């Protein structure tokens, strides 16, 4: 079951259709950006499916593990392997606190907001983003801090 937009803005539960699952898989990047920019997951079946995937514990754990590996490799000064783009060690070191907090929040039990999970995923996978691109409009510290805030946007 998933939540999808219904008539007059009501949210209804229904089974996901093959078409919705295909759209969620084939348009991941577009859906991730929409979620990261604040589009509610219930706006469409494809968004709901993508949000569900991003917030699953195994996906969150995978993102946290990738962040910890990036932090460890920056600390150790690991050399890039053939065909692998390495993020800037200086940028990672300057954002160490925010990246660690992001990994911790992703691993914490309990619910997280899909928008924050999408932001974390984009931070890790977007080659034009602040992790890999020194000319990015957003700093790595700001991107990681925003993802942390958006993972749990409700009051504690």
Protein backbone atom coordinates (compact mmCIF):
# COMPACT_ATOMS: atom_id res chain seq x y z
CA UNK A 1 0.00 0.00 0.00
CA UNK A 2 1.05 3.54 -0.59
CA UNK A 3 -0.41 6.97 -0.18
CA UNK A 4 -1.31 8.96 -3.24
CA UNK A 5 -3.18 12.14 -4.03
CA UNK A 6 -6.89 11.69 -4.29
CA UNK A 7 -9.80 13.87 -5.32
CA UNK A 8 -10.00 17.36 -3.76
CA UNK A 9 -6.57 17.01 -2.16
CA UNK A 10 -7.57 14.05 -0.01
CA UNK A 11 -4.96 11.37 0.57
CA UNK A 12 -6.07 7.84 -0.22
CA UNK A 13 -4.35 4.50 0.25
CA UNK A 14 -4.10 2.16 -2.68
CA UNK A 15 -1.87 -0.53 -4.11
CA UNK A 16 0.99 0.67 -6.25
CA UNK A 17 0.67 -0.01 -9.95
CA UNK A 18 3.43 -1.29 -12.20
CA UNK A 19 3.47 2.06 -13.99
CA UNK A 20 4.03 3.91 -10.71
CA UNK A 21 6.88 1.58 -9.75
CA UNK A 22 8.52 2.05 -13.15
CA UNK A 23 8.24 5.83 -12.94
CA UNK A 24 9.68 5.78 -9.42
CA UNK A 25 12.66 3.78 -10.66
CA UNK A 26 13.26 5.50 -13.99
CA UNK A 27 12.82 9.08 -12.75
CA UNK A 28 14.62 8.75 -9.44
CA UNK A 29 16.76 11.84 -9.92
CA UNK A 30 13.77 14.06 -10.73
CA UNK A 31 11.75 12.63 -7.84
CA UNK A 32 14.68 13.05 -5.43
CA UNK A 33 15.00 16.70 -6.39
CA UNK A 34 11.26 17.27 -5.96
CA UNK A 35 11.32 15.68 -2.50
CA UNK A 36 14.45 17.63 -1.52
CA UNK A 37 12.76 20.87 -2.59
CA UNK A 38 9.76 20.17 -0.35
CA UNK A 39 7.19 18.48 -2.59
CA UNK A 40 5.11 16.26 -0.30
CA UNK A 41 5.47 12.53 -0.98
CA UNK A 42 1.71 12.13 -1.23
CA UNK A 43 1.61 14.42 -4.26
CA UNK A 44 1.95 11.39 -6.54
CA UNK A 45 2.26 7.64 -6.36
CA UNK A 46 5.78 7.75 -7.80
CA UNK A 47 6.88 10.31 -5.18
CA UNK A 48 5.34 8.20 -2.42
CA UNK A 49 7.21 5.11 -3.63
CA UNK A 50 10.51 6.98 -3.91
CA UNK A 51 10.04 8.53 -0.47
CA UNK A 52 9.31 5.11 0.97
CA UNK A 53 12.55 3.75 -0.50
CA UNK A 54 14.69 6.67 0.68
CA UNK A 55 13.42 6.41 4.26
CA UNK A 56 13.74 2.62 4.63
CA UNK A 57 16.21 1.64 7.37
CA UNK A 58 18.52 -0.24 4.99
CA UNK A 59 18.76 2.75 2.64
CA UNK A 60 19.37 5.11 5.55
CA UNK A 61 22.07 2.79 6.88
CA UNK A 62 23.69 2.63 3.46
CA UNK A 63 23.80 6.43 3.22
CA UNK A 64 25.25 6.71 6.73
CA UNK A 65 27.89 4.11 5.89
CA UNK A 66 28.87 5.99 2.73
CA UNK A 67 29.22 9.22 4.72
CA UNK A 68 31.38 7.50 7.33
CA UNK A 69 33.57 5.95 4.60
CA UNK A 70 34.03 9.36 2.97
CA UNK A 71 34.99 10.86 6.33
CA UNK A 72 37.42 8.02 7.07
CA UNK A 73 39.07 8.19 3.63
CA UNK A 74 39.49 11.96 3.92
CA UNK A 75 41.11 11.53 7.34
CA UNK A 76 43.43 8.75 6.14
CA UNK A 77 44.32 10.56 2.92
CA UNK A 78 43.32 7.58 0.79
CA UNK A 79 44.42 7.79 -2.84
CA UNK A 80 41.75 7.58 -5.54
CA UNK A 81 41.31 4.29 -7.33
CA UNK A 82 41.14 4.18 -11.10
CA UNK A 83 37.83 5.56 -12.40
CA UNK A 84 36.71 6.90 -9.02
CA UNK A 85 36.24 10.59 -8.35
CA UNK A 86 37.35 11.55 -4.89
CA UNK A 87 35.74 14.42 -3.02
CA UNK A 88 37.93 17.23 -1.76
CA UNK A 89 39.57 16.28 1.53
CA UNK A 90 39.72 19.92 2.62
CA UNK A 91 35.96 20.39 2.11
CA UNK A 92 35.20 17.14 3.92
CA UNK A 93 37.43 18.05 6.84
CA UNK A 94 35.78 21.47 7.16
CA UNK A 95 32.32 19.82 7.17
CA UNK A 96 33.32 16.88 9.39
CA UNK A 97 30.93 17.83 12.22
CA UNK A 98 27.92 18.29 9.93
CA UNK A 99 28.64 15.10 7.95
CA UNK A 100 29.03 13.10 11.17
CA UNK A 101 25.76 14.50 12.49
CA UNK A 102 24.06 13.62 9.20
CA UNK A 103 25.33 10.03 9.40
CA UNK A 104 24.22 9.79 13.05
CA UNK A 105 20.75 11.13 12.26
CA UNK A 106 20.33 8.72 9.36
CA UNK A 107 21.22 5.82 11.66
CA UNK A 108 19.02 6.93 14.55
CA UNK A 109 15.87 4.84 14.95
CA UNK A 110 12.55 6.47 14.32
CA UNK A 111 10.98 8.20 11.38
CA UNK A 112 12.70 10.69 9.13
CA UNK A 113 11.24 13.06 6.58
CA UNK A 114 11.61 12.06 2.95
CA UNK A 115 12.83 15.53 1.98
CA UNK A 116 15.83 15.28 4.29
CA UNK A 117 16.61 11.75 3.12
CA UNK A 118 16.46 12.96 -0.48
CA UNK A 119 18.83 15.81 0.35
CA UNK A 120 21.30 13.36 1.93
CA UNK A 121 21.07 11.06 -1.10
CA UNK A 122 21.62 13.94 -3.53
CA UNK A 123 24.56 15.17 -1.47
CA UNK A 124 26.17 11.73 -1.83
CA UNK A 125 25.37 11.05 -5.47
CA UNK A 126 25.33 14.37 -7.32
CA UNK A 127 28.66 14.89 -9.04
CA UNK A 128 27.82 18.57 -9.53
CA UNK A 129 27.02 19.08 -5.84
CA UNK A 130 29.19 20.39 -3.00
CA UNK A 131 30.78 17.04 -2.14
CA UNK A 132 32.48 16.72 -5.52
CA UNK A 133 32.33 20.14 -7.18
CA UNK A 134 34.38 22.97 -5.67
CA UNK A 135 32.38 25.50 -7.74
CA UNK A 136 29.05 24.37 -6.28
CA UNK A 137 26.76 27.21 -5.17
CA UNK A 138 26.18 25.43 -1.85
CA UNK A 139 28.96 24.64 0.61
CA UNK A 140 29.29 21.08 1.85
CA UNK A 141 28.75 22.26 5.42
CA UNK A 142 25.52 24.06 4.49
CA UNK A 143 24.22 21.12 2.44
CA UNK A 144 24.87 18.60 5.21
CA UNK A 145 23.41 20.88 7.90
CA UNK A 146 20.26 21.44 5.82
CA UNK A 147 19.81 17.70 5.31
CA UNK A 148 20.12 17.13 9.08
CA UNK A 149 17.49 19.80 9.79
CA UNK A 150 15.12 18.43 7.15
CA UNK A 151 15.44 14.81 8.28
CA UNK A 152 13.55 15.68 11.46
CA UNK A 153 11.70 18.94 10.75
CA UNK A 154 9.09 18.45 13.48
CA UNK A 155 9.60 19.59 17.11
CA UNK A 156 11.36 17.17 19.44
